[in-house]
Amino acid sequence: MDSKITIYSADWCAFCHAAKDYMDKLGVKYTEKNVEEDVAFAQEAVQKSGQTGIPVIDIDGKVIIGFDRPKIDTELKAKKLV
């Protein structure tokens, strides 16, 4: 089963880069939505998370705000992605 992971990020956001680098290191595929390039992505991120901070990481419907490695690991394991 292909799980859907989306990372809402911006080029200037260090934690966004950390989240993407972490997924790359784990070999987990994700879709990046740059909130600076498309205002619709920013609105989507706010709608999902209820706030304006990034990164917003959506792991198959489970939304994680910020680069919270323990939460990310828990969700990736729960969805059998690692």
PDB file of N, CA and C in Angstrom:
ATOM      1  N   MET A   1       0.841  -1.202   0.000  1.00  0.00           N
ATOM      2  CA  MET A   1       0.000   0.000   0.000  1.00  0.00           C
ATOM      3  C   MET A   1       0.876   1.251   0.000  1.00  0.00           C
ATOM      4  N   ASP A   2       0.572   2.159  -0.871  1.00  0.00           N
ATOM      5  CA  ASP A   2       1.310   3.401  -0.942  1.00  0.00           C
ATOM      6  C   ASP A   2       0.716   4.400   0.032  1.00  0.00           C
ATOM      7  N   SER A   3       1.479   4.763   1.040  1.00  0.00           N
ATOM      8  CA  SER A   3       1.003   5.726   2.014  1.00  0.00           C
ATOM      9  C   SER A   3       1.324   7.119   1.507  1.00  0.00           C
ATOM     10  N   LYS A   4       0.458   8.057   1.809  1.00  0.00           N
ATOM     11  CA  LYS A   4       0.623   9.406   1.309  1.00  0.00           C
ATOM     12  C   LYS A   4       1.236  10.289   2.390  1.00  0.00           C
ATOM     13  N   ILE A   5       2.416  10.827   2.090  1.00  0.00           N
ATOM     14  CA  ILE A   5       3.073  11.751   3.015  1.00  0.00           C
ATOM     15  C   ILE A   5       3.259  13.073   2.296  1.00  0.00           C
ATOM     16  N   THR A   6       2.819  14.134   2.952  1.00  0.00           N
ATOM     17  CA  THR A   6       2.987  15.473   2.411  1.00  0.00           C
ATOM     18  C   THR A   6       3.700  16.321   3.439  1.00  0.00           C
ATOM     19  N   ILE A   7       4.713  17.058   2.988  1.00  0.00           N
ATOM     20  CA  ILE A   7       5.417  17.996   3.862  1.00  0.00           C
ATOM     21  C   ILE A   7       5.177  19.398   3.309  1.00  0.00           C
ATOM     22  N   TYR A   8       4.528  20.222   4.115  1.00  0.00           N
ATOM     23  CA  TYR A   8       4.323  21.629   3.769  1.00  0.00           C
ATOM     24  C   TYR A   8       5.529  22.384   4.299  1.00  0.00           C
ATOM     25  N   SER A   9       6.227  23.083   3.398  1.00  0.00           N
ATOM     26  CA  SER A   9       7.495  23.691   3.810  1.00  0.00           C
ATOM     27  C   SER A   9       7.742  24.995   3.063  1.00  0.00           C
ATOM     28  N   ALA A  10       8.867  25.629   3.405  1.00  0.00           N
ATOM     29  CA  ALA A  10       9.344  26.815   2.703  1.00  0.00           C
ATOM     30  C   ALA A  10      10.872  26.726   2.633  1.00  0.00           C
ATOM     31  N   ASP A  11      11.444  27.374   1.637  1.00  0.00           N
ATOM     32  CA  ASP A  11      12.896  27.287   1.424  1.00  0.00           C
ATOM     33  C   ASP A  11      13.705  27.806   2.611  1.00  0.00           C
ATOM     34  N   TRP A  12      13.190  28.827   3.297  1.00  0.00           N
ATOM     35  CA  TRP A  12      13.926  29.458   4.393  1.00  0.00           C
ATOM     36  C   TRP A  12      13.800  28.703   5.720  1.00  0.00           C
ATOM     37  N   CYS A  13      12.978  27.673   5.763  1.00  0.00           N
ATOM     38  CA  CYS A  13      12.639  26.997   7.029  1.00  0.00           C
ATOM     39  C   CYS A  13      13.608  25.854   7.341  1.00  0.00           C
ATOM     40  N   ALA A  14      14.454  26.061   8.355  1.00  0.00           N
ATOM     41  CA  ALA A  14      15.463  25.056   8.713  1.00  0.00           C
ATOM     42  C   ALA A  14      14.830  23.737   9.157  1.00  0.00           C
ATOM     43  N   PHE A  15      13.736  23.806   9.913  1.00  0.00           N
ATOM     44  CA  PHE A  15      13.093  22.574  10.379  1.00  0.00           C
ATOM     45  C   PHE A  15      12.444  21.818   9.219  1.00  0.00           C
ATOM     46  N   CYS A  16      12.013  22.564   8.200  1.00  0.00           N
ATOM     47  CA  CYS A  16      11.460  21.920   6.997  1.00  0.00           C
ATOM     48  C   CYS A  16      12.554  21.105   6.302  1.00  0.00           C
ATOM     49  N   HIS A  17      13.731  21.720   6.170  1.00  0.00           N
ATOM     50  CA  HIS A  17      14.861  21.011   5.555  1.00  0.00           C
ATOM     51  C   HIS A  17      15.225  19.781   6.381  1.00  0.00           C
ATOM     52  N   ALA A  18      15.210  19.927   7.703  1.00  0.00           N
ATOM     53  CA  ALA A  18      15.538  18.797   8.581  1.00  0.00           C
ATOM     54  C   ALA A  18      14.540  17.656   8.388  1.00  0.00           C
ATOM     55  N   ALA A  19      13.256  17.994   8.277  1.00  0.00           N
ATOM     56  CA  ALA A  19      12.215  16.974   8.095  1.00  0.00           C
ATOM     57  C   ALA A  19      12.402  16.244   6.763  1.00  0.00           C
ATOM     58  N   LYS A  20      12.667  17.007   5.696  1.00  0.00           N
ATOM     59  CA  LYS A  20      12.851  16.397   4.377  1.00  0.00           C
ATOM     60  C   LYS A  20      14.123  15.546   4.344  1.00  0.00           C
ATOM     61  N   ASP A  21      15.205  16.062   4.934  1.00  0.00           N
ATOM     62  CA  ASP A  21      16.463  15.294   4.988  1.00  0.00           C
ATOM     63  C   ASP A  21      16.262  13.995   5.753  1.00  0.00           C
ATOM     64  N   TYR A  22      15.484  14.062   6.823  1.00  0.00           N
ATOM     65  CA  TYR A  22      15.218  12.873   7.641  1.00  0.00           C
ATOM     66  C   TYR A  22      14.457  11.831   6.834  1.00  0.00           C
ATOM     67  N   MET A  23      13.420  12.253   6.117  1.00  0.00           N
ATOM     68  CA  MET A  23      12.646  11.328   5.283  1.00  0.00           C
ATOM     69  C   MET A  23      13.538  10.723   4.196  1.00  0.00           C
ATOM     70  N   ASP A  24      14.389  11.572   3.596  1.00  0.00           N
ATOM     71  CA  ASP A  24      15.310  11.094   2.557  1.00  0.00           C
ATOM     72  C   ASP A  24      16.254  10.034   3.133  1.00  0.00           C
ATOM     73  N   LYS A  25      16.774  10.307   4.321  1.00  0.00           N
ATOM     74  CA  LYS A  25      17.696   9.377   4.976  1.00  0.00           C
ATOM     75  C   LYS A  25      17.020   8.027   5.247  1.00  0.00           C
ATOM     76  N   LEU A  26      15.742   8.080   5.608  1.00  0.00           N
ATOM     77  CA  LEU A  26      14.988   6.850   5.875  1.00  0.00           C
ATOM     78  C   LEU A  26      14.518   6.167   4.590  1.00  0.00           C
ATOM     79  N   GLY A  27      14.638   6.873   3.474  1.00  0.00           N
ATOM     80  CA  GLY A  27      14.179   6.323   2.201  1.00  0.00           C
ATOM     81  C   GLY A  27      12.667   6.343   2.059  1.00  0.00           C
ATOM     82  N   VAL A  28      12.027   7.291   2.750  1.00  0.00           N
ATOM     83  CA  VAL A  28      10.570   7.412   2.719  1.00  0.00           C
ATOM     84  C   VAL A  28      10.188   8.475   1.684  1.00  0.00           C
ATOM     85  N   LYS A  29       9.313   8.104   0.771  1.00  0.00           N
ATOM     86  CA  LYS A  29       8.878   9.044  -0.270  1.00  0.00           C
ATOM     87  C   LYS A  29       7.822   9.996   0.291  1.00  0.00           C
ATOM     88  N   TYR A  30       7.879  11.235  -0.177  1.00  0.00           N
ATOM     89  CA  TYR A  30       6.919  12.245   0.268  1.00  0.00           C
ATOM     90  C   TYR A  30       6.700  13.250  -0.857  1.00  0.00           C
ATOM     91  N   THR A  31       5.622  13.999  -0.731  1.00  0.00           N
ATOM     92  CA  THR A  31       5.341  15.103  -1.643  1.00  0.00           C
ATOM     93  C   THR A  31       5.617  16.390  -0.886  1.00  0.00           C
ATOM     94  N   GLU A  32       6.378  17.276  -1.495  1.00  0.00           N
ATOM     95  CA  GLU A  32       6.636  18.571  -0.864  1.00  0.00           C
ATOM     96  C   GLU A  32       5.697  19.610  -1.452  1.00  0.00           C
ATOM     97  N   LYS A  33       5.075  20.374  -0.580  1.00  0.00           N
ATOM     98  CA  LYS A  33       4.250  21.497  -1.020  1.00  0.00           C
ATOM     99  C   LYS A  33       4.829  22.768  -0.417  1.00  0.00           C
ATOM    100  N   ASN A  34       5.439  23.581  -1.264  1.00  0.00           N
ATOM    101  CA  ASN A  34       6.099  24.807  -0.817  1.00  0.00           C
ATOM    102  C   ASN A  34       5.051  25.908  -0.643  1.00  0.00           C
ATOM    103  N   VAL A  35       4.884  26.333   0.607  1.00  0.00           N
ATOM    104  CA  VAL A  35       3.822  27.303   0.932  1.00  0.00           C
ATOM    105  C   VAL A  35       4.131  28.704   0.410  1.00  0.00           C
ATOM    106  N   GLU A  36       5.402  28.958   0.077  1.00  0.00           N
ATOM    107  CA  GLU A  36       5.748  30.265  -0.491  1.00  0.00           C
ATOM    108  C   GLU A  36       5.425  30.332  -1.979  1.00  0.00           C
ATOM    109  N   GLU A  37       5.546  29.206  -2.654  1.00  0.00           N
ATOM    110  CA  GLU A  37       5.326  29.170  -4.097  1.00  0.00           C
ATOM    111  C   GLU A  37       3.840  29.150  -4.447  1.00  0.00           C
ATOM    112  N   ASP A  38       3.014  28.625  -3.546  1.00  0.00           N
ATOM    113  CA  ASP A  38       1.579  28.515  -3.840  1.00  0.00           C
ATOM    114  C   ASP A  38       0.775  28.792  -2.576  1.00  0.00           C
ATOM    115  N   VAL A  39       0.028  29.883  -2.581  1.00  0.00           N
ATOM    116  CA  VAL A  39      -0.749  30.278  -1.405  1.00  0.00           C
ATOM    117  C   VAL A  39      -1.796  29.213  -1.061  1.00  0.00           C
ATOM    118  N   ALA A  40      -2.240  28.442  -2.043  1.00  0.00           N
ATOM    119  CA  ALA A  40      -3.211  27.376  -1.777  1.00  0.00           C
ATOM    120  C   ALA A  40      -2.604  26.319  -0.860  1.00  0.00           C
ATOM    121  N   PHE A  41      -1.295  26.054  -1.006  1.00  0.00           N
ATOM    122  CA  PHE A  41      -0.619  25.091  -0.128  1.00  0.00           C
ATOM    123  C   PHE A  41      -0.580  25.619   1.301  1.00  0.00           C
ATOM    124  N   ALA A  42      -0.345  26.921   1.448  1.00  0.00           N
ATOM    125  CA  ALA A  42      -0.321  27.541   2.785  1.00  0.00           C
ATOM    126  C   ALA A  42      -1.690  27.397   3.437  1.00  0.00           C
ATOM    127  N   GLN A  43      -2.741  27.658   2.670  1.00  0.00           N
ATOM    128  CA  GLN A  43      -4.096  27.546   3.205  1.00  0.00           C
ATOM    129  C   GLN A  43      -4.413  26.098   3.578  1.00  0.00           C
ATOM    130  N   GLU A  44      -3.950  25.159   2.754  1.00  0.00           N
ATOM    131  CA  GLU A  44      -4.149  23.734   3.022  1.00  0.00           C
ATOM    132  C   GLU A  44      -3.469  23.344   4.341  1.00  0.00           C
ATOM    133  N   ALA A  45      -2.238  23.829   4.523  1.00  0.00           N
ATOM    134  CA  ALA A  45      -1.477  23.514   5.738  1.00  0.00           C
ATOM    135  C   ALA A  45      -2.179  24.055   6.976  1.00  0.00           C
ATOM    136  N   VAL A  46      -2.686  25.284   6.895  1.00  0.00           N
ATOM    137  CA  VAL A  46      -3.401  25.894   8.022  1.00  0.00           C
ATOM    138  C   VAL A  46      -4.687  25.114   8.299  1.00  0.00           C
ATOM    139  N   GLN A  47      -5.382  24.730   7.241  1.00  0.00           N
ATOM    140  CA  GLN A  47      -6.626  23.971   7.384  1.00  0.00           C
ATOM    141  C   GLN A  47      -6.364  22.634   8.092  1.00  0.00           C
ATOM    142  N   LYS A  48      -5.280  21.969   7.720  1.00  0.00           N
ATOM    143  CA  LYS A  48      -4.971  20.661   8.314  1.00  0.00           C
ATOM    144  C   LYS A  48      -4.476  20.781   9.747  1.00  0.00           C
ATOM    145  N   SER A  49      -3.656  21.815  10.018  1.00  0.00           N
ATOM    146  CA  SER A  49      -2.981  21.900  11.318  1.00  0.00           C
ATOM    147  C   SER A  49      -3.661  22.829  12.304  1.00  0.00           C
ATOM    148  N   GLY A  50      -4.467  23.755  11.808  1.00  0.00           N
ATOM    149  CA  GLY A  50      -5.115  24.720  12.690  1.00  0.00           C
ATOM    150  C   GLY A  50      -4.202  25.849  13.126  1.00  0.00           C
ATOM    151  N   GLN A  51      -3.018  25.944  12.518  1.00  0.00           N
ATOM    152  CA  GLN A  51      -2.104  27.044  12.859  1.00  0.00           C
ATOM    153  C   GLN A  51      -1.197  27.334  11.671  1.00  0.00           C
ATOM    154  N   THR A  52      -0.348  28.347  11.805  1.00  0.00           N
ATOM    155  CA  THR A  52       0.421  28.814  10.648  1.00  0.00           C
ATOM    156  C   THR A  52       1.879  28.381  10.639  1.00  0.00           C
ATOM    157  N   GLY A  53       2.318  27.605  11.617  1.00  0.00           N
ATOM    158  CA  GLY A  53       3.718  27.181  11.656  1.00  0.00           C
ATOM    159  C   GLY A  53       4.005  26.090  10.643  1.00  0.00           C
ATOM    160  N   ILE A  54       5.263  26.025  10.209  1.00  0.00           N
ATOM    161  CA  ILE A  54       5.709  24.943   9.336  1.00  0.00           C
ATOM    162  C   ILE A  54       6.982  24.338   9.917  1.00  0.00           C
ATOM    163  N   PRO A  55       7.381  23.153   9.577  1.00  0.00           N
ATOM    164  CA  PRO A  55       6.680  22.294   8.630  1.00  0.00           C
ATOM    165  C   PRO A  55       5.400  21.703   9.219  1.00  0.00           C
ATOM    166  N   VAL A  56       4.472  21.400   8.326  1.00  0.00           N
ATOM    167  CA  VAL A  56       3.316  20.586   8.661  1.00  0.00           C
ATOM    168  C   VAL A  56       3.511  19.298   7.877  1.00  0.00           C
ATOM    169  N   ILE A  57       3.534  18.176   8.589  1.00  0.00           N
ATOM    170  CA  ILE A  57       3.775  16.884   7.964  1.00  0.00           C
ATOM    171  C   ILE A  57       2.510  16.050   8.101  1.00  0.00           C
ATOM    172  N   ASP A  58       1.981  15.655   6.956  1.00  0.00           N
ATOM    173  CA  ASP A  58       0.763  14.843   6.918  1.00  0.00           C
ATOM    174  C   ASP A  58       1.174  13.429   6.514  1.00  0.00           C
ATOM    175  N   ILE A  59       1.110  12.521   7.473  1.00  0.00           N
ATOM    176  CA  ILE A  59       1.453  11.122   7.205  1.00  0.00           C
ATOM    177  C   ILE A  59       0.150  10.336   7.135  1.00  0.00           C
ATOM    178  N   ASP A  60      -0.344  10.191   5.915  1.00  0.00           N
ATOM    179  CA  ASP A  60      -1.559   9.408   5.667  1.00  0.00           C
ATOM    180  C   ASP A  60      -2.714   9.838   6.573  1.00  0.00           C
ATOM    181  N   GLY A  61      -2.904  11.165   6.678  1.00  0.00           N
ATOM    182  CA  GLY A  61      -4.023  11.692   7.457  1.00  0.00           C
ATOM    183  C   GLY A  61      -3.691  12.091   8.877  1.00  0.00           C
ATOM    184  N   LYS A  62      -2.530  11.688   9.378  1.00  0.00           N
ATOM    185  CA  LYS A  62      -2.091  12.070  10.723  1.00  0.00           C
ATOM    186  C   LYS A  62      -1.185  13.290  10.578  1.00  0.00           C
ATOM    187  N   VAL A  63      -1.598  14.411  11.156  1.00  0.00           N
ATOM    188  CA  VAL A  63      -0.873  15.667  10.984  1.00  0.00           C
ATOM    189  C   VAL A  63       0.077  15.907  12.153  1.00  0.00           C
ATOM    190  N   ILE A  64       1.331  16.172  11.808  1.00  0.00           N
ATOM    191  CA  ILE A  64       2.367  16.482  12.799  1.00  0.00           C
ATOM    192  C   ILE A  64       2.863  17.887  12.496  1.00  0.00           C
ATOM    193  N   ILE A  65       2.894  18.720  13.522  1.00  0.00           N
ATOM    194  CA  ILE A  65       3.342  20.101  13.364  1.00  0.00           C
ATOM    195  C   ILE A  65       4.781  20.194  13.840  1.00  0.00           C
ATOM    196  N   GLY A  66       5.645  20.709  12.968  1.00  0.00           N
ATOM    197  CA  GLY A  66       7.062  20.844  13.305  1.00  0.00           C
ATOM    198  C   GLY A  66       7.819  19.552  13.045  1.00  0.00           C
ATOM    199  N   PHE A  67       9.133  19.625  13.184  1.00  0.00           N
ATOM    200  CA  PHE A  67       9.976  18.447  12.998  1.00  0.00           C
ATOM    201  C   PHE A  67      10.060  17.730  14.343  1.00  0.00           C
ATOM    202  N   ASP A  68       9.042  16.925  14.623  1.00  0.00           N
ATOM    203  CA  ASP A  68       8.933  16.189  15.888  1.00  0.00           C
ATOM    204  C   ASP A  68       9.300  14.734  15.594  1.00  0.00           C
ATOM    205  N   ARG A  69      10.618  14.437  15.703  1.00  0.00           N
ATOM    206  CA  ARG A  69      11.104  13.132  15.288  1.00  0.00           C
ATOM    207  C   ARG A  69      10.423  11.963  15.997  1.00  0.00           C
ATOM    208  N   PRO A  70      10.202  11.998  17.320  1.00  0.00           N
ATOM    209  CA  PRO A  70       9.509  10.868  17.964  1.00  0.00           C
ATOM    210  C   PRO A  70       8.109  10.627  17.388  1.00  0.00           C
ATOM    211  N   LYS A  71       7.357  11.696  17.143  1.00  0.00           N
ATOM    212  CA  LYS A  71       6.012  11.542  16.565  1.00  0.00           C
ATOM    213  C   LYS A  71       6.094  11.022  15.137  1.00  0.00           C
ATOM    214  N   ILE A  72       7.060  11.536  14.374  1.00  0.00           N
ATOM    215  CA  ILE A  72       7.242  11.084  12.992  1.00  0.00           C
ATOM    216  C   ILE A  72       7.573   9.592  12.986  1.00  0.00           C
ATOM    217  N   ASP A  73       8.523   9.185  13.834  1.00  0.00           N
ATOM    218  CA  ASP A  73       8.921   7.771  13.908  1.00  0.00           C
ATOM    219  C   ASP A  73       7.730   6.888  14.274  1.00  0.00           C
ATOM    220  N   THR A  74       6.942   7.330  15.260  1.00  0.00           N
ATOM    221  CA  THR A  74       5.773   6.562  15.699  1.00  0.00           C
ATOM    222  C   THR A  74       4.800   6.362  14.549  1.00  0.00           C
ATOM    223  N   GLU A  75       4.509   7.438  13.813  1.00  0.00           N
ATOM    224  CA  GLU A  75       3.561   7.338  12.699  1.00  0.00           C
ATOM    225  C   GLU A  75       4.101   6.509  11.558  1.00  0.00           C
ATOM    226  N   LEU A  76       5.383   6.684  11.235  1.00  0.00           N
ATOM    227  CA  LEU A  76       5.960   5.892  10.147  1.00  0.00           C
ATOM    228  C   LEU A  76       5.920   4.417  10.465  1.00  0.00           C
ATOM    229  N   LYS A  77       6.185   4.061  11.737  1.00  0.00           N
ATOM    230  CA  LYS A  77       6.130   2.660  12.153  1.00  0.00           C
ATOM    231  C   LYS A  77       4.688   2.149  12.138  1.00  0.00           C
ATOM    232  N   ALA A  78       3.752   2.985  12.631  1.00  0.00           N
ATOM    233  CA  ALA A  78       2.341   2.589  12.670  1.00  0.00           C
ATOM    234  C   ALA A  78       1.808   2.333  11.250  1.00  0.00           C
ATOM    235  N   LYS A  79       2.287   3.118  10.283  1.00  0.00           N
ATOM    236  CA  LYS A  79       1.829   2.967   8.901  1.00  0.00           C
ATOM    237  C   LYS A  79       2.723   1.975   8.140  1.00  0.00           C
ATOM    238  N   LYS A  80       3.680   1.360   8.863  1.00  0.00           N
ATOM    239  CA  LYS A  80       4.592   0.377   8.278  1.00  0.00           C
ATOM    240  C   LYS A  80       5.385   0.933   7.100  1.00  0.00           C
ATOM    241  N   LEU A  81       5.892   2.144   7.279  1.00  0.00           N
ATOM    242  CA  LEU A  81       6.691   2.796   6.231  1.00  0.00           C
ATOM    243  C   LEU A  81       8.185   2.695   6.486  1.00  0.00           C
ATOM    244  N   VAL A  82       8.554   2.253   7.693  1.00  0.00           N
ATOM    245  CA  VAL A  82       9.982   2.043   8.004  1.00  0.00           C
ATOM    246  C   VAL A  82      10.161   0.691   8.647  1.00  0.00           C
TER     247      VAL A  82
END
